[in-house]
Amino acid sequence: MSSNSEVAYARRVTLAITGASGVQYGLRLLQCLLGLDTQVLLMVSKAAQVVIATETELKLPGAPEAMESFLTEYFAARPGQIKVYGREQWMAPVASGSGAPSAMVVCPCSTGTLSAIACGASNNLIERAADVALKERRQLLLVPREAPYSEIHLEHMLKLTRMGAVVVPASPGFYQKPQTVEDMVDFIVARLLAQLGFEQTLLPRWGESML
């Protein structure tokens, strides 16, 4: 897609889906971002592909180009609205502060990815993209899904929070009286969209009915 077409999007967001349970959160966030006229620079780890095949009916192609085509058709996205990058595609925009979007979400974020980001490992493009977000003081949202958390996990979350990242555990609330699993997924996705600065209609704001 030409650069002239890319600037037509209202925003660009980096989204990484890693190998923790709860890939529904990441896929739903992707769907919502696309509906908000956002270009999504997407990375899906190999472990995440396994989890997606286990937890959903989707069978994603392994190659980035094929995955991009598949997801573009599946979500009825505009051409070029989803850009998929492989784990060692170091020339991708997300690998450099001069090309990366202003916000990145890792959803869900495995504890292995959490550890690698906290330590600055940058062994693959997901880790490098998160490192870029931190060093450039850009927005980084991490959505861990684990139970229980060990002291190691908690230390990494504290460390990353002190660096400026925002940890949003995949812990949906129940005060909205969810009726379906999708309602519970939307609770977390709504919080992520709000953190990113998007107006969202998935979840009423607290006290909104009293206004």
N, C-alpha and C. Protein backbone atom coordinates (compact mmCIF):
# COMPACT_ATOMS: atom_id res chain seq x y z
N MET A 1 0.84 -1.19 0.00
CA MET A 1 0.00 0.00 0.00
C MET A 1 0.88 1.25 0.00
N SER A 2 0.52 2.24 -0.73
CA SER A 2 1.34 3.45 -0.82
C SER A 2 1.19 4.28 0.43
N SER A 3 2.19 5.12 0.69
CA SER A 3 2.15 5.97 1.87
C SER A 3 1.00 6.96 1.80
N ASN A 4 0.63 7.35 0.57
CA ASN A 4 -0.49 8.28 0.42
C ASN A 4 -1.78 7.67 0.93
N SER A 5 -1.94 6.33 0.75
CA SER A 5 -3.14 5.66 1.23
C SER A 5 -3.10 5.47 2.74
N GLU A 6 -1.90 5.21 3.28
CA GLU A 6 -1.78 4.95 4.70
C GLU A 6 -2.16 6.16 5.54
N VAL A 7 -1.88 7.37 5.09
CA VAL A 7 -2.18 8.54 5.89
C VAL A 7 -3.68 8.80 5.99
N ALA A 8 -4.48 8.04 5.24
CA ALA A 8 -5.92 8.21 5.31
C ALA A 8 -6.48 7.66 6.61
N TYR A 9 -5.72 6.80 7.31
CA TYR A 9 -6.20 6.24 8.56
C TYR A 9 -6.07 7.26 9.69
N ALA A 10 -7.08 7.25 10.56
CA ALA A 10 -7.09 8.21 11.66
C ALA A 10 -5.92 7.98 12.61
N ARG A 11 -5.60 6.70 12.87
CA ARG A 11 -4.52 6.38 13.80
C ARG A 11 -3.84 5.08 13.39
N ARG A 12 -2.66 4.85 13.96
CA ARG A 12 -1.93 3.60 13.79
C ARG A 12 -1.62 3.06 15.17
N VAL A 13 -1.83 1.77 15.37
CA VAL A 13 -1.56 1.12 16.65
C VAL A 13 -0.82 -0.19 16.38
N THR A 14 0.19 -0.46 17.19
CA THR A 14 0.87 -1.75 17.14
C THR A 14 0.17 -2.72 18.07
N LEU A 15 -0.14 -3.91 17.56
CA LEU A 15 -0.80 -4.94 18.38
C LEU A 15 0.00 -6.23 18.28
N ALA A 16 0.37 -6.78 19.42
CA ALA A 16 1.04 -8.07 19.46
C ALA A 16 0.16 -9.06 20.23
N ILE A 17 -0.03 -10.23 19.66
CA ILE A 17 -0.77 -11.31 20.31
C ILE A 17 0.22 -12.42 20.62
N THR A 18 0.38 -12.73 21.92
CA THR A 18 1.37 -13.73 22.30
C THR A 18 0.67 -14.95 22.91
N GLY A 19 1.49 -15.94 23.30
CA GLY A 19 0.95 -17.26 23.60
C GLY A 19 0.39 -17.47 24.98
N ALA A 20 -0.45 -16.59 25.45
CA ALA A 20 -1.19 -16.81 26.69
C ALA A 20 -2.63 -17.14 26.34
N SER A 21 -3.31 -17.81 27.25
CA SER A 21 -4.74 -18.05 27.06
C SER A 21 -5.45 -16.70 27.03
N GLY A 22 -6.55 -16.63 26.28
CA GLY A 22 -7.29 -15.38 26.19
C GLY A 22 -7.03 -14.64 24.89
N VAL A 23 -6.74 -15.39 23.82
CA VAL A 23 -6.51 -14.72 22.53
C VAL A 23 -7.75 -13.99 22.05
N GLN A 24 -8.91 -14.36 22.62
CA GLN A 24 -10.14 -13.66 22.24
C GLN A 24 -10.05 -12.16 22.52
N TYR A 25 -9.34 -11.79 23.57
CA TYR A 25 -9.16 -10.37 23.87
C TYR A 25 -8.41 -9.66 22.75
N GLY A 26 -7.34 -10.28 22.28
CA GLY A 26 -6.56 -9.67 21.22
C GLY A 26 -7.30 -9.59 19.91
N LEU A 27 -8.02 -10.64 19.57
CA LEU A 27 -8.76 -10.67 18.31
C LEU A 27 -9.91 -9.66 18.33
N ARG A 28 -10.58 -9.56 19.47
CA ARG A 28 -11.67 -8.60 19.58
C ARG A 28 -11.14 -7.16 19.54
N LEU A 29 -9.99 -6.93 20.16
CA LEU A 29 -9.38 -5.60 20.10
C LEU A 29 -9.02 -5.26 18.67
N LEU A 30 -8.46 -6.22 17.95
CA LEU A 30 -8.14 -6.01 16.53
C LEU A 30 -9.39 -5.60 15.76
N GLN A 31 -10.47 -6.33 15.97
CA GLN A 31 -11.73 -6.02 15.28
C GLN A 31 -12.21 -4.61 15.59
N CYS A 32 -12.14 -4.23 16.86
CA CYS A 32 -12.62 -2.91 17.26
C CYS A 32 -11.74 -1.79 16.71
N LEU A 33 -10.44 -2.00 16.72
CA LEU A 33 -9.54 -0.98 16.18
C LEU A 33 -9.78 -0.77 14.70
N LEU A 34 -10.02 -1.84 13.97
CA LEU A 34 -10.31 -1.72 12.54
C LEU A 34 -11.59 -0.92 12.32
N GLY A 35 -12.57 -1.13 13.19
CA GLY A 35 -13.82 -0.40 13.07
C GLY A 35 -13.71 1.06 13.44
N LEU A 36 -12.58 1.43 14.06
CA LEU A 36 -12.35 2.82 14.46
C LEU A 36 -11.37 3.52 13.52
N ASP A 37 -11.33 3.07 12.28
CA ASP A 37 -10.51 3.69 11.23
C ASP A 37 -9.04 3.74 11.64
N THR A 38 -8.56 2.62 12.21
CA THR A 38 -7.18 2.53 12.68
C THR A 38 -6.42 1.50 11.87
N GLN A 39 -5.21 1.85 11.48
CA GLN A 39 -4.34 0.87 10.86
C GLN A 39 -3.62 0.11 11.96
N VAL A 40 -3.63 -1.21 11.87
CA VAL A 40 -3.04 -2.05 12.91
C VAL A 40 -1.80 -2.74 12.37
N LEU A 41 -0.68 -2.51 13.03
CA LEU A 41 0.57 -3.20 12.72
C LEU A 41 0.64 -4.39 13.65
N LEU A 42 0.44 -5.58 13.10
CA LEU A 42 0.15 -6.77 13.89
C LEU A 42 1.30 -7.77 13.88
N MET A 43 1.55 -8.35 15.06
CA MET A 43 2.49 -9.45 15.21
C MET A 43 1.83 -10.54 16.03
N VAL A 44 1.93 -11.78 15.55
CA VAL A 44 1.33 -12.93 16.23
C VAL A 44 2.44 -13.95 16.45
N SER A 45 2.74 -14.25 17.70
CA SER A 45 3.82 -15.20 17.97
C SER A 45 3.41 -16.61 17.55
N LYS A 46 4.40 -17.49 17.41
CA LYS A 46 4.11 -18.88 17.06
C LYS A 46 3.26 -19.55 18.13
N ALA A 47 3.58 -19.26 19.39
CA ALA A 47 2.78 -19.82 20.48
C ALA A 47 1.34 -19.31 20.42
N ALA A 48 1.17 -18.05 20.05
CA ALA A 48 -0.18 -17.49 19.94
C ALA A 48 -0.97 -18.19 18.84
N GLN A 49 -0.30 -18.54 17.75
CA GLN A 49 -0.99 -19.26 16.68
C GLN A 49 -1.52 -20.59 17.17
N VAL A 50 -0.75 -21.26 18.03
CA VAL A 50 -1.20 -22.53 18.62
C VAL A 50 -2.41 -22.30 19.51
N VAL A 51 -2.35 -21.24 20.34
CA VAL A 51 -3.45 -20.95 21.26
C VAL A 51 -4.70 -20.56 20.47
N ILE A 52 -4.53 -19.77 19.41
CA ILE A 52 -5.67 -19.38 18.59
C ILE A 52 -6.36 -20.61 18.00
N ALA A 53 -5.57 -21.56 17.52
CA ALA A 53 -6.14 -22.79 16.96
C ALA A 53 -6.83 -23.63 18.04
N THR A 54 -6.37 -23.49 19.30
CA THR A 54 -6.94 -24.26 20.40
C THR A 54 -8.21 -23.62 20.96
N GLU A 55 -8.21 -22.29 21.07
CA GLU A 55 -9.30 -21.59 21.75
C GLU A 55 -10.37 -21.04 20.81
N THR A 56 -10.10 -21.02 19.52
CA THR A 56 -11.07 -20.49 18.56
C THR A 56 -11.18 -21.45 17.38
N GLU A 57 -12.03 -21.09 16.45
CA GLU A 57 -12.20 -21.88 15.23
C GLU A 57 -11.26 -21.42 14.12
N LEU A 58 -10.47 -20.38 14.39
CA LEU A 58 -9.58 -19.84 13.36
C LEU A 58 -8.34 -20.70 13.19
N LYS A 59 -7.93 -20.87 11.97
CA LYS A 59 -6.68 -21.54 11.63
C LYS A 59 -5.84 -20.56 10.81
N LEU A 60 -5.01 -19.80 11.49
CA LEU A 60 -4.26 -18.76 10.81
C LEU A 60 -3.11 -19.34 10.00
N PRO A 61 -2.89 -18.82 8.80
CA PRO A 61 -1.70 -19.21 8.04
C PRO A 61 -0.45 -18.76 8.79
N GLY A 62 0.64 -19.48 8.62
CA GLY A 62 1.86 -19.15 9.34
C GLY A 62 2.63 -17.99 8.76
N ALA A 63 2.66 -17.87 7.44
CA ALA A 63 3.44 -16.82 6.79
C ALA A 63 2.77 -15.46 6.98
N PRO A 64 3.54 -14.40 7.27
CA PRO A 64 2.96 -13.08 7.51
C PRO A 64 2.07 -12.59 6.38
N GLU A 65 2.51 -12.77 5.13
CA GLU A 65 1.72 -12.28 3.99
C GLU A 65 0.38 -13.00 3.90
N ALA A 66 0.41 -14.32 4.11
CA ALA A 66 -0.83 -15.10 4.04
C ALA A 66 -1.75 -14.75 5.20
N MET A 67 -1.17 -14.56 6.38
CA MET A 67 -1.96 -14.19 7.55
C MET A 67 -2.61 -12.83 7.34
N GLU A 68 -1.87 -11.90 6.77
CA GLU A 68 -2.40 -10.58 6.49
C GLU A 68 -3.60 -10.64 5.56
N SER A 69 -3.49 -11.42 4.50
CA SER A 69 -4.60 -11.57 3.56
C SER A 69 -5.80 -12.23 4.22
N PHE A 70 -5.53 -13.27 5.01
CA PHE A 70 -6.60 -13.99 5.68
C PHE A 70 -7.36 -13.07 6.63
N LEU A 71 -6.65 -12.34 7.48
CA LEU A 71 -7.30 -11.48 8.47
C LEU A 71 -8.00 -10.29 7.82
N THR A 72 -7.42 -9.78 6.75
CA THR A 72 -8.07 -8.67 6.02
C THR A 72 -9.42 -9.11 5.52
N GLU A 73 -9.48 -10.31 4.97
CA GLU A 73 -10.76 -10.83 4.47
C GLU A 73 -11.70 -11.19 5.62
N TYR A 74 -11.16 -11.81 6.66
CA TYR A 74 -11.99 -12.27 7.78
C TYR A 74 -12.68 -11.12 8.48
N PHE A 75 -11.95 -10.00 8.68
CA PHE A 75 -12.51 -8.85 9.38
C PHE A 75 -13.06 -7.80 8.43
N ALA A 76 -13.08 -8.10 7.14
CA ALA A 76 -13.56 -7.16 6.13
C ALA A 76 -12.86 -5.81 6.27
N ALA A 77 -11.55 -5.86 6.47
CA ALA A 77 -10.76 -4.64 6.63
C ALA A 77 -10.45 -4.03 5.27
N ARG A 78 -10.08 -2.77 5.30
CA ARG A 78 -9.66 -2.11 4.06
C ARG A 78 -8.30 -2.63 3.64
N PRO A 79 -8.00 -2.63 2.36
CA PRO A 79 -6.67 -3.07 1.91
C PRO A 79 -5.57 -2.26 2.60
N GLY A 80 -4.61 -2.97 3.20
CA GLY A 80 -3.52 -2.30 3.88
C GLY A 80 -3.82 -1.88 5.30
N GLN A 81 -5.05 -2.09 5.76
CA GLN A 81 -5.38 -1.66 7.13
C GLN A 81 -4.73 -2.56 8.17
N ILE A 82 -4.53 -3.83 7.83
CA ILE A 82 -3.79 -4.74 8.70
C ILE A 82 -2.44 -5.03 8.05
N LYS A 83 -1.36 -4.78 8.77
CA LYS A 83 -0.02 -5.11 8.30
C LYS A 83 0.58 -6.11 9.27
N VAL A 84 0.88 -7.31 8.77
CA VAL A 84 1.40 -8.38 9.63
C VAL A 84 2.90 -8.52 9.42
N TYR A 85 3.63 -8.64 10.54
CA TYR A 85 5.08 -8.77 10.48
C TYR A 85 5.54 -10.03 11.20
N GLY A 86 6.59 -10.66 10.67
CA GLY A 86 7.15 -11.86 11.24
C GLY A 86 8.11 -11.57 12.39
N ARG A 87 8.49 -12.61 13.12
CA ARG A 87 9.27 -12.46 14.35
C ARG A 87 10.66 -11.88 14.13
N GLU A 88 11.20 -12.01 12.93
CA GLU A 88 12.54 -11.49 12.66
C GLU A 88 12.54 -10.51 11.48
N GLN A 89 11.43 -9.82 11.31
CA GLN A 89 11.30 -8.85 10.22
C GLN A 89 11.79 -7.49 10.74
N TRP A 90 13.11 -7.37 10.85
CA TRP A 90 13.72 -6.24 11.55
C TRP A 90 13.56 -4.91 10.81
N MET A 91 13.19 -4.94 9.55
CA MET A 91 12.99 -3.70 8.81
C MET A 91 11.56 -3.17 8.93
N ALA A 92 10.74 -3.85 9.76
CA ALA A 92 9.37 -3.38 9.98
C ALA A 92 9.37 -2.05 10.71
N PRO A 93 8.38 -1.19 10.48
CA PRO A 93 8.34 0.13 11.14
C PRO A 93 8.41 0.04 12.66
N VAL A 94 7.82 -1.02 13.24
CA VAL A 94 7.75 -1.11 14.71
C VAL A 94 9.11 -1.34 15.34
N ALA A 95 10.13 -1.66 14.55
CA ALA A 95 11.46 -1.95 15.09
C ALA A 95 12.26 -0.68 15.35
N SER A 96 11.73 0.48 14.99
CA SER A 96 12.48 1.72 15.15
C SER A 96 11.59 2.83 15.66
N GLY A 97 12.16 3.66 16.51
CA GLY A 97 11.40 4.80 17.03
C GLY A 97 10.96 5.77 15.96
N SER A 98 11.65 5.78 14.82
CA SER A 98 11.28 6.71 13.74
C SER A 98 10.10 6.22 12.92
N GLY A 99 9.72 4.95 13.08
CA GLY A 99 8.63 4.41 12.27
C GLY A 99 7.47 3.83 13.05
N ALA A 100 7.67 3.56 14.33
CA ALA A 100 6.64 2.89 15.13
C ALA A 100 5.49 3.82 15.47
N PRO A 101 4.27 3.26 15.58
CA PRO A 101 3.13 4.06 16.04
C PRO A 101 3.35 4.56 17.46
N SER A 102 2.49 5.45 17.90
CA SER A 102 2.64 6.06 19.22
C SER A 102 2.11 5.17 20.34
N ALA A 103 1.46 4.06 19.99
CA ALA A 103 0.90 3.17 21.02
C ALA A 103 1.08 1.72 20.61
N MET A 104 1.34 0.87 21.61
CA MET A 104 1.46 -0.57 21.40
C MET A 104 0.70 -1.30 22.48
N VAL A 105 0.03 -2.39 22.08
CA VAL A 105 -0.68 -3.25 23.02
C VAL A 105 -0.20 -4.67 22.83
N VAL A 106 0.12 -5.35 23.93
CA VAL A 106 0.43 -6.78 23.88
C VAL A 106 -0.74 -7.48 24.57
N CYS A 107 -1.57 -8.16 23.77
CA CYS A 107 -2.85 -8.67 24.26
C CYS A 107 -3.22 -9.99 23.59
N PRO A 108 -3.21 -11.09 24.33
CA PRO A 108 -2.73 -11.20 25.70
C PRO A 108 -1.21 -11.21 25.73
N CYS A 109 -0.67 -10.97 26.91
CA CYS A 109 0.78 -10.92 27.10
C CYS A 109 1.20 -12.12 27.94
N SER A 110 1.90 -13.05 27.36
CA SER A 110 2.38 -14.21 28.11
C SER A 110 3.39 -13.76 29.15
N THR A 111 3.57 -14.57 30.19
CA THR A 111 4.55 -14.20 31.22
C THR A 111 5.97 -14.27 30.66
N GLY A 112 6.19 -15.09 29.65
CA GLY A 112 7.49 -15.12 29.00
C GLY A 112 7.78 -13.82 28.27
N THR A 113 6.77 -13.31 27.57
CA THR A 113 6.93 -12.02 26.89
C THR A 113 7.08 -10.90 27.90
N LEU A 114 6.32 -10.96 28.98
CA LEU A 114 6.43 -9.97 30.06
C LEU A 114 7.87 -9.91 30.57
N SER A 115 8.45 -11.09 30.81
CA SER A 115 9.81 -11.16 31.31
C SER A 115 10.80 -10.57 30.32
N ALA A 116 10.65 -10.95 29.04
CA ALA A 116 11.58 -10.48 28.01
C ALA A 116 11.52 -8.96 27.85
N ILE A 117 10.31 -8.40 27.90
CA ILE A 117 10.17 -6.95 27.77
C ILE A 117 10.80 -6.25 28.98
N ALA A 118 10.56 -6.80 30.17
CA ALA A 118 11.10 -6.19 31.39
C ALA A 118 12.62 -6.19 31.40
N CYS A 119 13.20 -7.19 30.75
CA CYS A 119 14.66 -7.32 30.74
C CYS A 119 15.30 -6.72 29.49
N GLY A 120 14.49 -6.23 28.55
CA GLY A 120 15.02 -5.64 27.33
C GLY A 120 15.68 -6.65 26.41
N ALA A 121 15.16 -7.88 26.38
CA ALA A 121 15.80 -8.95 25.61
C ALA A 121 15.83 -8.67 24.11
N SER A 122 14.72 -8.23 23.55
CA SER A 122 14.62 -7.90 22.12
C SER A 122 15.09 -9.05 21.23
N ASN A 123 14.71 -10.27 21.58
CA ASN A 123 15.10 -11.44 20.79
C ASN A 123 14.23 -11.65 19.56
N ASN A 124 13.08 -11.00 19.51
CA ASN A 124 12.21 -11.08 18.34
C ASN A 124 11.54 -9.72 18.15
N LEU A 125 10.74 -9.61 17.09
CA LEU A 125 10.19 -8.29 16.75
C LEU A 125 9.19 -7.80 17.78
N ILE A 126 8.43 -8.70 18.41
CA ILE A 126 7.49 -8.26 19.44
C ILE A 126 8.25 -7.62 20.59
N GLU A 127 9.30 -8.29 21.05
CA GLU A 127 10.09 -7.77 22.16
C GLU A 127 10.77 -6.46 21.77
N ARG A 128 11.28 -6.39 20.56
CA ARG A 128 11.93 -5.17 20.09
C ARG A 128 10.93 -4.01 20.00
N ALA A 129 9.74 -4.29 19.48
CA ALA A 129 8.73 -3.24 19.36
C ALA A 129 8.35 -2.68 20.73
N ALA A 130 8.23 -3.56 21.72
CA ALA A 130 7.93 -3.09 23.08
C ALA A 130 9.10 -2.30 23.64
N ASP A 131 10.31 -2.73 23.35
CA ASP A 131 11.50 -2.00 23.80
C ASP A 131 11.53 -0.60 23.19
N VAL A 132 11.14 -0.50 21.93
CA VAL A 132 11.06 0.80 21.26
C VAL A 132 10.04 1.70 21.97
N ALA A 133 8.87 1.13 22.28
CA ALA A 133 7.84 1.91 22.96
C ALA A 133 8.35 2.46 24.29
N LEU A 134 9.09 1.64 25.01
CA LEU A 134 9.61 2.08 26.30
C LEU A 134 10.69 3.14 26.15
N LYS A 135 11.63 2.91 25.24
CA LYS A 135 12.74 3.85 25.12
C LYS A 135 12.29 5.19 24.56
N GLU A 136 11.23 5.17 23.74
CA GLU A 136 10.72 6.40 23.16
C GLU A 136 9.67 7.07 24.05
N ARG A 137 9.42 6.45 25.23
CA ARG A 137 8.41 6.97 26.17
C ARG A 137 7.03 7.04 25.52
N ARG A 138 6.72 5.98 24.75
CA ARG A 138 5.40 5.90 24.12
C ARG A 138 4.50 4.98 24.91
N GLN A 139 3.24 4.94 24.53
CA GLN A 139 2.26 4.17 25.29
C GLN A 139 2.45 2.68 25.05
N LEU A 140 2.53 1.91 26.13
CA LEU A 140 2.65 0.46 26.05
C LEU A 140 1.68 -0.17 27.04
N LEU A 141 0.71 -0.90 26.51
CA LEU A 141 -0.29 -1.59 27.34
C LEU A 141 -0.01 -3.09 27.30
N LEU A 142 0.03 -3.71 28.47
CA LEU A 142 0.32 -5.13 28.59
C LEU A 142 -0.86 -5.82 29.26
N VAL A 143 -1.34 -6.91 28.66
CA VAL A 143 -2.53 -7.61 29.17
C VAL A 143 -2.15 -9.04 29.56
N PRO A 144 -1.61 -9.22 30.77
CA PRO A 144 -1.25 -10.57 31.20
C PRO A 144 -2.48 -11.39 31.55
N ARG A 145 -2.38 -12.70 31.31
CA ARG A 145 -3.48 -13.60 31.66
C ARG A 145 -2.83 -14.85 32.28
N GLU A 146 -2.72 -14.85 33.57
CA GLU A 146 -2.09 -15.94 34.29
C GLU A 146 -2.71 -16.03 35.67
N ALA A 147 -2.70 -17.20 36.27
CA ALA A 147 -3.23 -17.34 37.63
C ALA A 147 -2.64 -18.60 38.25
N PRO A 148 -2.08 -18.49 39.44
CA PRO A 148 -1.78 -17.24 40.15
C PRO A 148 -0.51 -16.60 39.60
N TYR A 149 -0.24 -15.38 40.01
CA TYR A 149 1.00 -14.71 39.64
C TYR A 149 2.09 -15.07 40.65
N SER A 150 3.27 -15.38 40.13
CA SER A 150 4.41 -15.63 41.01
C SER A 150 5.06 -14.30 41.37
N GLU A 151 5.99 -14.34 42.30
CA GLU A 151 6.72 -13.13 42.66
C GLU A 151 7.49 -12.59 41.45
N ILE A 152 7.98 -13.49 40.61
CA ILE A 152 8.69 -13.07 39.40
C ILE A 152 7.77 -12.26 38.49
N HIS A 153 6.55 -12.77 38.27
CA HIS A 153 5.59 -12.06 37.42
C HIS A 153 5.28 -10.68 38.00
N LEU A 154 5.04 -10.64 39.28
CA LEU A 154 4.68 -9.38 39.94
C LEU A 154 5.84 -8.39 39.90
N GLU A 155 7.06 -8.88 40.07
CA GLU A 155 8.22 -8.00 39.99
C GLU A 155 8.36 -7.40 38.59
N HIS A 156 8.12 -8.23 37.57
CA HIS A 156 8.22 -7.72 36.20
C HIS A 156 7.14 -6.68 35.93
N MET A 157 5.92 -6.92 36.43
CA MET A 157 4.85 -5.95 36.22
C MET A 157 5.15 -4.64 36.93
N LEU A 158 5.69 -4.72 38.15
CA LEU A 158 6.05 -3.52 38.88
C LEU A 158 7.16 -2.76 38.15
N LYS A 159 8.15 -3.49 37.69
CA LYS A 159 9.27 -2.88 36.97
C LYS A 159 8.78 -2.15 35.72
N LEU A 160 7.93 -2.80 34.96
CA LEU A 160 7.42 -2.20 33.72
C LEU A 160 6.50 -1.03 34.00
N THR A 161 5.71 -1.11 35.07
CA THR A 161 4.86 0.02 35.45
C THR A 161 5.70 1.24 35.79
N ARG A 162 6.79 1.01 36.48
CA ARG A 162 7.69 2.11 36.82
C ARG A 162 8.36 2.69 35.59
N MET A 163 8.49 1.89 34.53
CA MET A 163 9.06 2.38 33.27
C MET A 163 8.06 3.18 32.45
N GLY A 164 6.78 3.10 32.83
CA GLY A 164 5.76 3.84 32.10
C GLY A 164 4.73 2.99 31.40
N ALA A 165 4.94 1.67 31.38
CA ALA A 165 3.94 0.80 30.78
C ALA A 165 2.70 0.72 31.67
N VAL A 166 1.57 0.36 31.08
CA VAL A 166 0.33 0.18 31.85
C VAL A 166 -0.05 -1.28 31.78
N VAL A 167 -0.19 -1.91 32.93
CA VAL A 167 -0.56 -3.32 33.01
C VAL A 167 -2.08 -3.40 33.21
N VAL A 168 -2.74 -4.07 32.27
CA VAL A 168 -4.20 -4.24 32.32
C VAL A 168 -4.49 -5.72 32.39
N PRO A 169 -4.54 -6.32 33.58
CA PRO A 169 -4.77 -7.76 33.67
C PRO A 169 -6.11 -8.15 33.03
N ALA A 170 -6.13 -9.32 32.44
CA ALA A 170 -7.38 -9.80 31.82
C ALA A 170 -8.32 -10.30 32.92
N SER A 171 -8.82 -9.34 33.70
CA SER A 171 -9.68 -9.65 34.85
C SER A 171 -10.98 -8.87 34.71
N PRO A 172 -11.94 -9.39 33.95
CA PRO A 172 -13.18 -8.64 33.72
C PRO A 172 -13.99 -8.46 35.00
N GLY A 173 -14.66 -7.32 35.07
CA GLY A 173 -15.56 -7.05 36.18
C GLY A 173 -16.93 -7.66 35.93
N PHE A 174 -17.76 -7.67 36.95
CA PHE A 174 -19.09 -8.30 36.82
C PHE A 174 -20.21 -7.33 37.19
N TYR A 175 -19.86 -6.07 37.49
CA TYR A 175 -20.92 -5.13 37.88
C TYR A 175 -21.82 -4.77 36.72
N GLN A 176 -21.39 -5.06 35.48
CA GLN A 176 -22.25 -4.81 34.32
C GLN A 176 -23.17 -5.99 34.02
N LYS A 177 -23.13 -7.01 34.89
CA LYS A 177 -23.96 -8.21 34.74
C LYS A 177 -23.79 -8.85 33.35
N PRO A 178 -22.59 -9.32 33.03
CA PRO A 178 -22.36 -9.93 31.72
C PRO A 178 -23.24 -11.16 31.52
N GLN A 179 -23.75 -11.28 30.31
CA GLN A 179 -24.62 -12.39 29.97
C GLN A 179 -23.91 -13.46 29.15
N THR A 180 -22.81 -13.09 28.52
CA THR A 180 -22.11 -14.02 27.64
C THR A 180 -20.60 -13.88 27.86
N VAL A 181 -19.86 -14.84 27.33
CA VAL A 181 -18.40 -14.74 27.35
C VAL A 181 -17.95 -13.50 26.58
N GLU A 182 -18.66 -13.20 25.49
CA GLU A 182 -18.32 -12.02 24.68
C GLU A 182 -18.44 -10.74 25.51
N ASP A 183 -19.42 -10.68 26.39
CA ASP A 183 -19.57 -9.51 27.27
C ASP A 183 -18.35 -9.34 28.17
N MET A 184 -17.81 -10.46 28.65
CA MET A 184 -16.65 -10.41 29.53
C MET A 184 -15.40 -10.00 28.75
N VAL A 185 -15.29 -10.47 27.53
CA VAL A 185 -14.18 -10.06 26.67
C VAL A 185 -14.27 -8.56 26.40
N ASP A 186 -15.47 -8.10 26.10
CA ASP A 186 -15.65 -6.68 25.78
C ASP A 186 -15.33 -5.77 26.96
N PHE A 187 -15.47 -6.27 28.18
CA PHE A 187 -15.13 -5.47 29.35
C PHE A 187 -13.66 -5.06 29.30
N ILE A 188 -12.80 -6.01 29.02
CA ILE A 188 -11.37 -5.72 28.96
C ILE A 188 -11.03 -4.89 27.73
N VAL A 189 -11.61 -5.23 26.60
CA VAL A 189 -11.34 -4.49 25.37
C VAL A 189 -11.77 -3.04 25.51
N ALA A 190 -12.89 -2.81 26.17
CA ALA A 190 -13.35 -1.44 26.40
C ALA A 190 -12.34 -0.65 27.22
N ARG A 191 -11.76 -1.29 28.24
CA ARG A 191 -10.76 -0.62 29.06
C ARG A 191 -9.51 -0.28 28.25
N LEU A 192 -9.14 -1.19 27.35
CA LEU A 192 -7.97 -0.95 26.50
C LEU A 192 -8.22 0.21 25.54
N LEU A 193 -9.40 0.22 24.93
CA LEU A 193 -9.74 1.31 24.01
C LEU A 193 -9.74 2.65 24.74
N ALA A 194 -10.26 2.66 25.96
CA ALA A 194 -10.27 3.90 26.74
C ALA A 194 -8.85 4.35 27.05
N GLN A 195 -7.97 3.41 27.39
CA GLN A 195 -6.57 3.75 27.65
C GLN A 195 -5.91 4.34 26.41
N LEU A 196 -6.29 3.83 25.24
CA LEU A 196 -5.73 4.31 23.98
C LEU A 196 -6.32 5.64 23.54
N GLY A 197 -7.36 6.08 24.23
CA GLY A 197 -7.96 7.38 23.91
C GLY A 197 -9.09 7.32 22.91
N PHE A 198 -9.64 6.12 22.68
CA PHE A 198 -10.76 5.98 21.75
C PHE A 198 -12.08 6.09 22.49
N GLU A 199 -13.06 6.68 21.85
CA GLU A 199 -14.43 6.63 22.34
C GLU A 199 -14.96 5.23 22.03
N GLN A 200 -15.52 4.57 23.04
CA GLN A 200 -16.00 3.22 22.83
C GLN A 200 -17.42 3.07 23.37
N THR A 201 -18.16 2.15 22.78
CA THR A 201 -19.55 1.91 23.18
C THR A 201 -19.76 0.48 23.68
N LEU A 202 -18.66 -0.23 23.94
CA LEU A 202 -18.78 -1.61 24.41
C LEU A 202 -19.24 -1.69 25.85
N LEU A 203 -18.86 -0.68 26.64
CA LEU A 203 -19.11 -0.72 28.07
C LEU A 203 -19.48 0.66 28.56
N PRO A 204 -20.63 0.82 29.24
CA PRO A 204 -20.97 2.13 29.79
C PRO A 204 -19.95 2.56 30.84
N ARG A 205 -19.66 3.84 30.88
CA ARG A 205 -18.77 4.34 31.91
C ARG A 205 -19.43 4.25 33.28
N TRP A 206 -18.61 4.06 34.30
CA TRP A 206 -19.13 3.95 35.66
C TRP A 206 -19.94 5.20 36.03
N GLY A 207 -21.15 5.01 36.49
CA GLY A 207 -22.00 6.12 36.89
C GLY A 207 -22.70 6.82 35.75
N GLU A 208 -22.53 6.32 34.53
CA GLU A 208 -23.11 6.99 33.37
C GLU A 208 -24.62 7.04 33.44
N SER A 209 -25.22 5.98 34.02
CA SER A 209 -26.68 5.94 34.13
C SER A 209 -27.22 6.99 35.10
N MET A 210 -26.34 7.54 35.94
CA MET A 210 -26.77 8.53 36.92
C MET A 210 -26.68 9.95 36.38
N LEU A 211 -26.07 10.12 35.17
CA LEU A 211 -25.92 11.47 34.63
C LEU A 211 -27.24 12.03 34.13
